[in-house]
């Protein structure tokens, strides 16, 4: 396991270095958008159920079958956000909400986890930053949200968080 953790840390650091240096380029091409988000939703529904959490996938309106985007990077962002929501939620619900209008996807990952203080929210996208969640420390290097934010920015999007201690979070 420590080898897996080290490999994940190295890969995350390399991703950040590539993004910051401008060497990471997007592979924009037609991708099956509706299929991707349903597939990701199904995958995390099983993970949530295994942990005893409720999982909701809510598509607001019709999702386009095909869009032009970097499928690998979009998948990476969604996996980081949904994985964190499930990892840090000990009971309750994780909701994966998506709507698409005017060539813009709006995605919200909401959980009933411990929430974040204002100070934690201000730093949560910085490398190696971890929230001060109660209980045992969850595995990870604190790079997932940093990478998700950088990739979202690179794709011309915006990643933000709304939260309060004890009230969960919405990314």
N, C-alpha and C. Protein backbone atom coordinates (compact mmCIF):
# COMPACT_ATOMS: atom_id res chain seq x y z
N UNK A 1 0.81 -1.20 0.00
CA UNK A 1 0.00 0.00 0.00
C UNK A 1 0.86 1.27 0.00
N UNK A 2 1.95 1.27 0.76
CA UNK A 2 2.78 2.47 0.78
C UNK A 2 3.39 2.72 -0.59
N UNK A 3 3.67 1.65 -1.34
CA UNK A 3 4.17 1.81 -2.71
C UNK A 3 3.12 2.44 -3.60
N UNK A 4 1.85 2.03 -3.43
CA UNK A 4 0.75 2.62 -4.20
C UNK A 4 0.61 4.10 -3.87
N UNK A 5 0.74 4.43 -2.57
CA UNK A 5 0.62 5.81 -2.15
C UNK A 5 1.75 6.66 -2.75
N UNK A 6 2.96 6.14 -2.75
CA UNK A 6 4.10 6.86 -3.31
C UNK A 6 3.92 7.05 -4.80
N UNK A 7 3.49 6.01 -5.51
CA UNK A 7 3.26 6.12 -6.95
C UNK A 7 2.20 7.17 -7.25
N UNK A 8 1.11 7.17 -6.47
CA UNK A 8 0.05 8.15 -6.65
C UNK A 8 0.58 9.57 -6.41
N UNK A 9 1.41 9.73 -5.40
CA UNK A 9 2.01 11.02 -5.08
C UNK A 9 2.88 11.51 -6.24
N UNK A 10 3.71 10.62 -6.78
CA UNK A 10 4.59 10.98 -7.90
C UNK A 10 3.77 11.34 -9.13
N UNK A 11 2.76 10.52 -9.46
CA UNK A 11 1.92 10.80 -10.62
C UNK A 11 1.20 12.13 -10.46
N UNK A 12 0.68 12.42 -9.27
CA UNK A 12 -0.01 13.67 -9.02
C UNK A 12 0.91 14.86 -9.16
N UNK A 13 2.11 14.74 -8.61
CA UNK A 13 3.09 15.81 -8.71
C UNK A 13 3.49 16.06 -10.16
N UNK A 14 3.65 14.99 -10.94
CA UNK A 14 3.98 15.12 -12.36
C UNK A 14 2.84 15.80 -13.11
N UNK A 15 1.59 15.43 -12.83
CA UNK A 15 0.45 16.08 -13.47
C UNK A 15 0.47 17.58 -13.20
N UNK A 16 0.70 17.97 -11.94
CA UNK A 16 0.73 19.38 -11.59
C UNK A 16 1.86 20.09 -12.33
N UNK A 17 3.04 19.47 -12.37
CA UNK A 17 4.18 20.08 -13.06
C UNK A 17 3.89 20.26 -14.54
N UNK A 18 3.27 19.27 -15.17
CA UNK A 18 2.93 19.38 -16.59
C UNK A 18 1.92 20.48 -16.84
N UNK A 19 0.93 20.60 -15.99
CA UNK A 19 -0.09 21.64 -16.16
C UNK A 19 0.55 23.00 -15.97
N UNK A 20 1.31 23.18 -14.89
CA UNK A 20 1.92 24.48 -14.60
C UNK A 20 2.91 24.91 -15.66
N UNK A 21 3.63 23.96 -16.26
CA UNK A 21 4.63 24.31 -17.27
C UNK A 21 4.01 24.53 -18.65
N UNK A 22 2.71 24.25 -18.77
CA UNK A 22 2.05 24.40 -20.07
C UNK A 22 2.30 23.24 -21.00
N UNK A 23 2.92 22.17 -20.50
CA UNK A 23 3.24 21.01 -21.34
C UNK A 23 2.07 20.05 -21.48
N UNK A 24 1.08 20.19 -20.61
CA UNK A 24 -0.09 19.32 -20.73
C UNK A 24 -1.05 19.97 -21.71
N UNK A 25 -1.37 19.27 -22.76
CA UNK A 25 -2.32 19.78 -23.74
C UNK A 25 -3.57 18.93 -23.69
N UNK A 26 -4.67 19.56 -23.98
CA UNK A 26 -5.94 18.84 -23.99
C UNK A 26 -6.10 18.09 -25.30
N UNK A 27 -6.71 16.94 -25.22
CA UNK A 27 -7.01 16.12 -26.40
C UNK A 27 -8.50 16.28 -26.68
N UNK A 28 -8.85 17.39 -27.30
CA UNK A 28 -10.25 17.69 -27.57
C UNK A 28 -10.72 16.93 -28.81
N UNK A 29 -11.77 16.15 -28.60
CA UNK A 29 -12.36 15.42 -29.72
C UNK A 29 -13.76 15.00 -29.32
N UNK A 30 -14.57 14.58 -30.28
CA UNK A 30 -15.92 14.15 -29.92
C UNK A 30 -15.87 13.00 -28.92
N UNK A 31 -16.68 13.11 -27.88
CA UNK A 31 -16.76 12.06 -26.87
C UNK A 31 -18.22 11.83 -26.51
N UNK A 32 -18.54 10.64 -26.06
CA UNK A 32 -19.90 10.27 -25.68
C UNK A 32 -20.18 10.77 -24.27
N UNK A 33 -20.63 12.00 -24.17
CA UNK A 33 -20.80 12.69 -22.90
C UNK A 33 -21.84 12.02 -22.00
N UNK A 34 -23.05 11.83 -22.51
CA UNK A 34 -24.11 11.23 -21.69
C UNK A 34 -23.69 9.86 -21.18
N UNK A 35 -23.07 9.07 -22.05
CA UNK A 35 -22.62 7.73 -21.64
C UNK A 35 -21.57 7.83 -20.53
N UNK A 36 -20.63 8.77 -20.68
CA UNK A 36 -19.56 8.91 -19.69
C UNK A 36 -20.13 9.25 -18.31
N UNK A 37 -21.00 10.26 -18.22
CA UNK A 37 -21.48 10.66 -16.90
C UNK A 37 -22.36 9.57 -16.28
N UNK A 38 -23.12 8.84 -17.09
CA UNK A 38 -23.91 7.72 -16.56
C UNK A 38 -22.99 6.60 -16.07
N UNK A 39 -21.94 6.32 -16.82
CA UNK A 39 -20.98 5.28 -16.43
C UNK A 39 -20.30 5.64 -15.11
N UNK A 40 -19.84 6.88 -14.99
CA UNK A 40 -19.19 7.35 -13.76
C UNK A 40 -20.19 7.29 -12.60
N UNK A 41 -21.42 7.72 -12.85
CA UNK A 41 -22.45 7.68 -11.81
C UNK A 41 -22.70 6.26 -11.33
N UNK A 42 -22.78 5.32 -12.25
CA UNK A 42 -23.01 3.91 -11.88
C UNK A 42 -21.86 3.35 -11.06
N UNK A 43 -20.64 3.70 -11.48
CA UNK A 43 -19.45 3.22 -10.77
C UNK A 43 -19.45 3.72 -9.32
N UNK A 44 -19.74 4.99 -9.12
CA UNK A 44 -19.69 5.55 -7.77
C UNK A 44 -20.94 5.20 -6.96
N UNK A 45 -22.04 4.88 -7.62
CA UNK A 45 -23.21 4.41 -6.89
C UNK A 45 -22.86 3.11 -6.17
N UNK A 46 -22.16 2.22 -6.85
CA UNK A 46 -21.74 0.96 -6.24
C UNK A 46 -20.77 1.21 -5.08
N UNK A 47 -19.85 2.12 -5.26
CA UNK A 47 -18.88 2.44 -4.20
C UNK A 47 -19.59 3.04 -2.98
N UNK A 48 -20.55 3.92 -3.23
CA UNK A 48 -21.30 4.53 -2.12
C UNK A 48 -22.11 3.47 -1.38
N UNK A 49 -22.79 2.60 -2.13
CA UNK A 49 -23.59 1.55 -1.50
C UNK A 49 -22.73 0.63 -0.65
N UNK A 50 -21.52 0.32 -1.14
CA UNK A 50 -20.61 -0.55 -0.38
C UNK A 50 -20.23 0.09 0.95
N UNK A 51 -20.27 1.41 1.02
CA UNK A 51 -19.93 2.13 2.24
C UNK A 51 -21.18 2.44 3.08
N UNK A 52 -22.35 2.05 2.58
CA UNK A 52 -23.59 2.30 3.30
C UNK A 52 -24.16 3.69 3.09
N UNK A 53 -23.75 4.36 2.02
CA UNK A 53 -24.23 5.70 1.71
C UNK A 53 -25.30 5.64 0.62
N UNK A 54 -26.21 6.59 0.65
CA UNK A 54 -27.16 6.76 -0.46
C UNK A 54 -26.43 7.52 -1.56
N UNK A 55 -26.76 7.22 -2.81
CA UNK A 55 -26.15 7.91 -3.94
C UNK A 55 -27.26 8.32 -4.89
N UNK A 56 -27.22 9.59 -5.30
CA UNK A 56 -28.22 10.07 -6.27
C UNK A 56 -27.50 10.63 -7.48
N UNK A 57 -27.95 10.22 -8.65
CA UNK A 57 -27.49 10.80 -9.91
C UNK A 57 -28.67 11.57 -10.46
N UNK A 58 -28.51 12.88 -10.65
CA UNK A 58 -29.60 13.72 -11.13
C UNK A 58 -29.16 14.47 -12.38
N UNK A 59 -29.72 14.06 -13.51
CA UNK A 59 -29.48 14.78 -14.76
C UNK A 59 -30.66 15.72 -14.96
N UNK A 60 -30.39 17.00 -14.93
CA UNK A 60 -31.45 18.01 -15.09
C UNK A 60 -31.56 18.33 -16.57
N UNK A 61 -32.65 17.90 -17.19
CA UNK A 61 -32.85 18.11 -18.61
C UNK A 61 -32.09 17.07 -19.43
N UNK A 62 -32.11 17.25 -20.72
CA UNK A 62 -31.46 16.31 -21.63
C UNK A 62 -29.96 16.57 -21.69
N UNK A 63 -29.19 15.49 -21.65
CA UNK A 63 -27.74 15.60 -21.81
C UNK A 63 -27.40 15.26 -23.25
N UNK A 64 -26.47 16.00 -23.86
CA UNK A 64 -26.10 15.68 -25.23
C UNK A 64 -25.39 14.33 -25.32
N UNK A 65 -25.66 13.62 -26.40
CA UNK A 65 -25.01 12.32 -26.59
C UNK A 65 -23.51 12.52 -26.81
N UNK A 66 -23.16 13.53 -27.60
CA UNK A 66 -21.75 13.75 -27.97
C UNK A 66 -21.39 15.23 -27.77
N UNK A 67 -20.21 15.47 -27.18
CA UNK A 67 -19.65 16.82 -27.07
C UNK A 67 -18.18 16.74 -27.46
N UNK A 68 -17.57 17.88 -27.67
CA UNK A 68 -16.15 17.94 -27.96
C UNK A 68 -15.43 18.32 -26.67
N UNK A 69 -14.64 17.38 -26.15
CA UNK A 69 -13.95 17.60 -24.87
C UNK A 69 -12.81 16.59 -24.74
N UNK A 70 -12.00 16.74 -23.69
CA UNK A 70 -10.94 15.79 -23.38
C UNK A 70 -11.53 14.77 -22.40
N UNK A 71 -11.92 13.62 -22.91
CA UNK A 71 -12.60 12.62 -22.10
C UNK A 71 -11.75 12.14 -20.93
N UNK A 72 -10.46 11.92 -21.16
CA UNK A 72 -9.59 11.43 -20.09
C UNK A 72 -9.54 12.43 -18.93
N UNK A 73 -9.42 13.70 -19.24
CA UNK A 73 -9.31 14.73 -18.20
C UNK A 73 -10.64 14.96 -17.50
N UNK A 74 -11.74 14.93 -18.25
CA UNK A 74 -13.06 15.07 -17.62
C UNK A 74 -13.30 13.91 -16.67
N UNK A 75 -12.95 12.71 -17.10
CA UNK A 75 -13.09 11.52 -16.25
C UNK A 75 -12.25 11.68 -14.98
N UNK A 76 -11.03 12.17 -15.12
CA UNK A 76 -10.13 12.37 -13.99
C UNK A 76 -10.73 13.35 -12.97
N UNK A 77 -11.30 14.43 -13.45
CA UNK A 77 -11.92 15.43 -12.57
C UNK A 77 -13.08 14.81 -11.81
N UNK A 78 -13.97 14.13 -12.53
CA UNK A 78 -15.15 13.54 -11.89
C UNK A 78 -14.77 12.47 -10.88
N UNK A 79 -13.78 11.65 -11.21
CA UNK A 79 -13.33 10.60 -10.29
C UNK A 79 -12.74 11.21 -9.02
N UNK A 80 -11.95 12.26 -9.16
CA UNK A 80 -11.39 12.93 -7.98
C UNK A 80 -12.49 13.50 -7.09
N UNK A 81 -13.45 14.20 -7.68
CA UNK A 81 -14.49 14.85 -6.89
C UNK A 81 -15.44 13.83 -6.24
N UNK A 82 -15.91 12.86 -7.02
CA UNK A 82 -16.82 11.86 -6.46
C UNK A 82 -16.11 10.96 -5.46
N UNK A 83 -14.86 10.61 -5.76
CA UNK A 83 -14.08 9.78 -4.84
C UNK A 83 -13.91 10.46 -3.50
N UNK A 84 -13.61 11.76 -3.51
CA UNK A 84 -13.47 12.51 -2.25
C UNK A 84 -14.80 12.58 -1.51
N UNK A 85 -15.88 12.83 -2.22
CA UNK A 85 -17.18 12.94 -1.57
C UNK A 85 -17.51 11.65 -0.82
N UNK A 86 -17.26 10.52 -1.44
CA UNK A 86 -17.54 9.24 -0.79
C UNK A 86 -16.54 8.96 0.32
N UNK A 87 -15.27 9.25 0.07
CA UNK A 87 -14.23 8.98 1.07
C UNK A 87 -14.48 9.75 2.37
N UNK A 88 -14.91 11.00 2.27
CA UNK A 88 -15.03 11.84 3.45
C UNK A 88 -16.44 11.88 4.04
N UNK A 89 -17.38 11.13 3.47
CA UNK A 89 -18.74 11.08 3.99
C UNK A 89 -18.92 9.76 4.72
N UNK A 90 -19.21 9.83 6.01
CA UNK A 90 -19.35 8.59 6.78
C UNK A 90 -20.79 8.10 6.83
N UNK A 91 -21.75 9.02 6.66
CA UNK A 91 -23.15 8.59 6.59
C UNK A 91 -23.93 9.66 5.82
N UNK A 92 -25.03 9.22 5.24
CA UNK A 92 -25.87 10.16 4.50
C UNK A 92 -25.84 9.91 3.01
N UNK A 93 -25.68 10.99 2.25
CA UNK A 93 -25.88 10.94 0.81
C UNK A 93 -24.79 11.67 0.05
N UNK A 94 -24.47 11.13 -1.12
CA UNK A 94 -23.63 11.82 -2.10
C UNK A 94 -24.50 12.00 -3.34
N UNK A 95 -24.58 13.22 -3.83
CA UNK A 95 -25.39 13.53 -5.01
C UNK A 95 -24.50 14.03 -6.14
N UNK A 96 -24.68 13.44 -7.31
CA UNK A 96 -23.96 13.81 -8.54
C UNK A 96 -25.02 14.44 -9.45
N UNK A 97 -24.99 15.77 -9.54
CA UNK A 97 -26.00 16.52 -10.30
C UNK A 97 -25.34 17.15 -11.53
N UNK A 98 -26.03 17.07 -12.65
CA UNK A 98 -25.47 17.63 -13.88
C UNK A 98 -26.59 18.21 -14.75
N UNK A 99 -26.28 19.36 -15.34
CA UNK A 99 -27.17 19.92 -16.36
C UNK A 99 -26.30 20.47 -17.47
N UNK A 100 -26.86 20.54 -18.64
CA UNK A 100 -26.11 20.98 -19.81
C UNK A 100 -27.00 21.93 -20.61
N UNK A 101 -26.49 23.13 -20.85
CA UNK A 101 -27.23 24.12 -21.63
C UNK A 101 -26.24 25.06 -22.30
N UNK A 102 -26.54 25.43 -23.52
CA UNK A 102 -25.72 26.39 -24.28
C UNK A 102 -24.24 26.00 -24.30
N UNK A 103 -23.98 24.73 -24.57
CA UNK A 103 -22.63 24.19 -24.69
C UNK A 103 -21.82 24.32 -23.39
N UNK A 104 -22.51 24.30 -22.26
CA UNK A 104 -21.86 24.40 -20.96
C UNK A 104 -22.44 23.36 -20.02
N UNK A 105 -21.57 22.56 -19.42
CA UNK A 105 -22.00 21.59 -18.42
C UNK A 105 -21.81 22.20 -17.04
N UNK A 106 -22.82 22.09 -16.21
CA UNK A 106 -22.73 22.51 -14.82
C UNK A 106 -22.89 21.24 -13.99
N UNK A 107 -21.83 20.92 -13.25
CA UNK A 107 -21.78 19.69 -12.48
C UNK A 107 -21.62 20.05 -11.01
N UNK A 108 -22.43 19.43 -10.16
CA UNK A 108 -22.33 19.65 -8.72
C UNK A 108 -22.21 18.29 -8.04
N UNK A 109 -21.20 18.16 -7.19
CA UNK A 109 -21.02 16.98 -6.37
C UNK A 109 -21.29 17.43 -4.94
N UNK A 110 -22.36 16.91 -4.36
CA UNK A 110 -22.78 17.34 -3.03
C UNK A 110 -22.71 16.16 -2.07
N UNK A 111 -22.22 16.41 -0.86
CA UNK A 111 -22.15 15.33 0.14
C UNK A 111 -22.66 15.81 1.48
N UNK A 112 -22.89 14.86 2.36
CA UNK A 112 -23.33 15.16 3.73
C UNK A 112 -22.19 14.87 4.71
N UNK A 113 -20.96 15.07 4.24
CA UNK A 113 -19.78 14.83 5.05
C UNK A 113 -19.58 15.90 6.11
N UNK A 114 -18.37 15.96 6.69
CA UNK A 114 -18.11 16.85 7.82
C UNK A 114 -18.09 18.33 7.47
N UNK A 115 -18.00 18.66 6.19
CA UNK A 115 -17.95 20.06 5.80
C UNK A 115 -16.57 20.67 6.00
N UNK A 116 -16.42 21.89 5.56
CA UNK A 116 -15.14 22.60 5.61
C UNK A 116 -15.33 23.98 6.22
N UNK A 117 -14.37 24.38 7.04
CA UNK A 117 -14.38 25.73 7.59
C UNK A 117 -14.01 26.72 6.48
N UNK A 118 -14.22 27.99 6.73
CA UNK A 118 -13.86 29.02 5.75
C UNK A 118 -12.37 28.97 5.44
N UNK A 119 -11.54 28.75 6.47
CA UNK A 119 -10.09 28.65 6.27
C UNK A 119 -9.73 27.45 5.39
N UNK A 120 -10.37 26.31 5.65
CA UNK A 120 -10.11 25.12 4.83
C UNK A 120 -10.56 25.35 3.39
N UNK A 121 -11.69 26.01 3.20
CA UNK A 121 -12.17 26.29 1.84
C UNK A 121 -11.18 27.19 1.08
N UNK A 122 -10.57 28.12 1.77
CA UNK A 122 -9.63 29.04 1.13
C UNK A 122 -8.37 28.32 0.66
N UNK A 123 -8.03 27.18 1.30
CA UNK A 123 -6.78 26.47 0.98
C UNK A 123 -6.99 25.12 0.30
N UNK A 124 -8.22 24.65 0.17
CA UNK A 124 -8.47 23.26 -0.21
C UNK A 124 -7.93 22.88 -1.59
N UNK A 125 -7.75 23.84 -2.48
CA UNK A 125 -7.24 23.53 -3.82
C UNK A 125 -5.72 23.64 -3.91
N UNK A 126 -5.05 23.96 -2.80
CA UNK A 126 -3.59 24.05 -2.79
C UNK A 126 -2.99 22.64 -2.68
N UNK A 127 -1.83 22.41 -3.32
CA UNK A 127 -1.21 21.07 -3.24
C UNK A 127 -0.92 20.65 -1.81
N UNK A 128 -1.13 19.37 -1.54
CA UNK A 128 -0.84 18.71 -0.26
C UNK A 128 -1.68 19.24 0.90
N UNK A 129 -2.79 19.92 0.59
CA UNK A 129 -3.68 20.42 1.62
C UNK A 129 -4.73 19.38 1.92
N UNK A 130 -4.94 19.12 3.18
CA UNK A 130 -5.95 18.16 3.62
C UNK A 130 -6.85 18.86 4.62
N UNK A 131 -8.13 18.56 4.55
CA UNK A 131 -9.07 19.13 5.52
C UNK A 131 -8.85 18.46 6.87
N UNK A 132 -9.17 19.17 7.92
CA UNK A 132 -9.04 18.62 9.28
C UNK A 132 -10.33 17.90 9.65
N UNK A 133 -10.56 16.76 8.99
CA UNK A 133 -11.78 16.01 9.25
C UNK A 133 -11.64 15.20 10.52
N UNK A 134 -12.74 15.06 11.27
CA UNK A 134 -12.67 14.26 12.50
C UNK A 134 -12.52 12.78 12.17
N UNK A 135 -11.99 12.02 13.10
CA UNK A 135 -11.86 10.58 12.91
C UNK A 135 -10.55 10.23 12.25
N UNK A 136 -10.43 8.97 11.80
CA UNK A 136 -9.18 8.52 11.20
C UNK A 136 -8.89 9.26 9.89
N UNK A 137 -7.62 9.47 9.62
CA UNK A 137 -7.21 10.16 8.41
C UNK A 137 -7.46 9.28 7.19
N UNK A 138 -8.13 9.84 6.19
CA UNK A 138 -8.39 9.11 4.95
C UNK A 138 -7.11 9.09 4.12
N UNK A 139 -6.89 8.02 3.35
CA UNK A 139 -5.69 7.95 2.54
C UNK A 139 -5.69 9.00 1.44
N UNK A 140 -4.52 9.37 0.99
CA UNK A 140 -4.38 10.34 -0.09
C UNK A 140 -3.29 11.34 0.23
N UNK A 141 -2.80 11.97 -0.84
CA UNK A 141 -1.69 12.90 -0.69
C UNK A 141 -2.13 14.35 -0.65
N UNK A 142 -3.41 14.62 -0.88
CA UNK A 142 -3.86 16.01 -0.91
C UNK A 142 -3.60 16.66 -2.25
N UNK A 143 -3.59 15.86 -3.34
CA UNK A 143 -3.36 16.41 -4.68
C UNK A 143 -4.59 16.34 -5.58
N UNK A 144 -5.56 15.51 -5.24
CA UNK A 144 -6.71 15.29 -6.12
C UNK A 144 -7.47 16.56 -6.45
N UNK A 145 -7.78 17.37 -5.44
CA UNK A 145 -8.51 18.61 -5.70
C UNK A 145 -7.66 19.63 -6.43
N UNK A 146 -6.37 19.65 -6.15
CA UNK A 146 -5.46 20.56 -6.86
C UNK A 146 -5.46 20.23 -8.34
N UNK A 147 -5.33 18.95 -8.66
CA UNK A 147 -5.31 18.52 -10.06
C UNK A 147 -6.66 18.79 -10.72
N UNK A 148 -7.75 18.47 -10.02
CA UNK A 148 -9.09 18.72 -10.58
C UNK A 148 -9.28 20.20 -10.88
N UNK A 149 -8.84 21.07 -9.98
CA UNK A 149 -8.98 22.52 -10.18
C UNK A 149 -8.14 22.98 -11.37
N UNK A 150 -6.90 22.52 -11.45
CA UNK A 150 -6.02 22.94 -12.54
C UNK A 150 -6.55 22.46 -13.89
N UNK A 151 -7.04 21.23 -13.94
CA UNK A 151 -7.60 20.69 -15.19
C UNK A 151 -8.87 21.44 -15.59
N UNK A 152 -9.70 21.74 -14.61
CA UNK A 152 -10.92 22.49 -14.89
C UNK A 152 -10.58 23.87 -15.44
N UNK A 153 -9.62 24.54 -14.83
CA UNK A 153 -9.17 25.85 -15.31
C UNK A 153 -8.62 25.73 -16.73
N UNK A 154 -7.80 24.71 -16.99
CA UNK A 154 -7.20 24.49 -18.31
C UNK A 154 -8.29 24.30 -19.37
N UNK A 155 -9.40 23.68 -18.97
CA UNK A 155 -10.50 23.43 -19.90
C UNK A 155 -11.43 24.64 -20.03
N UNK A 156 -11.10 25.74 -19.36
CA UNK A 156 -11.92 26.94 -19.45
C UNK A 156 -13.09 26.94 -18.49
N UNK A 157 -13.05 26.05 -17.51
CA UNK A 157 -14.14 25.95 -16.54
C UNK A 157 -13.79 26.59 -15.23
N UNK A 158 -14.62 26.32 -14.25
CA UNK A 158 -14.44 26.88 -12.91
C UNK A 158 -14.79 25.80 -11.90
N UNK A 159 -13.93 25.62 -10.90
CA UNK A 159 -14.20 24.68 -9.82
C UNK A 159 -14.18 25.45 -8.51
N UNK A 160 -15.27 25.36 -7.77
CA UNK A 160 -15.38 26.07 -6.50
C UNK A 160 -16.02 25.15 -5.48
N UNK A 161 -16.01 25.59 -4.23
CA UNK A 161 -16.62 24.81 -3.14
C UNK A 161 -17.49 25.72 -2.29
N UNK A 162 -18.60 25.16 -1.83
CA UNK A 162 -19.47 25.80 -0.86
C UNK A 162 -19.64 24.81 0.27
N UNK A 163 -19.41 25.24 1.50
CA UNK A 163 -19.46 24.31 2.61
C UNK A 163 -19.56 25.06 3.92
N UNK A 164 -19.89 24.32 4.95
CA UNK A 164 -19.85 24.81 6.34
C UNK A 164 -19.58 23.60 7.22
N UNK A 165 -18.85 23.79 8.32
CA UNK A 165 -18.61 22.66 9.22
C UNK A 165 -19.90 21.98 9.65
N UNK A 166 -19.92 20.68 9.52
CA UNK A 166 -21.10 19.90 9.91
C UNK A 166 -22.21 19.88 8.89
N UNK A 167 -22.02 20.56 7.77
CA UNK A 167 -23.11 20.69 6.78
C UNK A 167 -22.75 20.15 5.40
N UNK A 168 -21.71 19.34 5.31
CA UNK A 168 -21.34 18.79 4.01
C UNK A 168 -20.69 19.82 3.12
N UNK A 169 -20.54 19.45 1.84
CA UNK A 169 -19.89 20.33 0.87
C UNK A 169 -20.50 20.13 -0.49
N UNK A 170 -20.41 21.17 -1.33
CA UNK A 170 -20.81 21.10 -2.73
C UNK A 170 -19.63 21.59 -3.55
N UNK A 171 -19.12 20.74 -4.44
CA UNK A 171 -18.06 21.12 -5.37
C UNK A 171 -18.66 21.24 -6.75
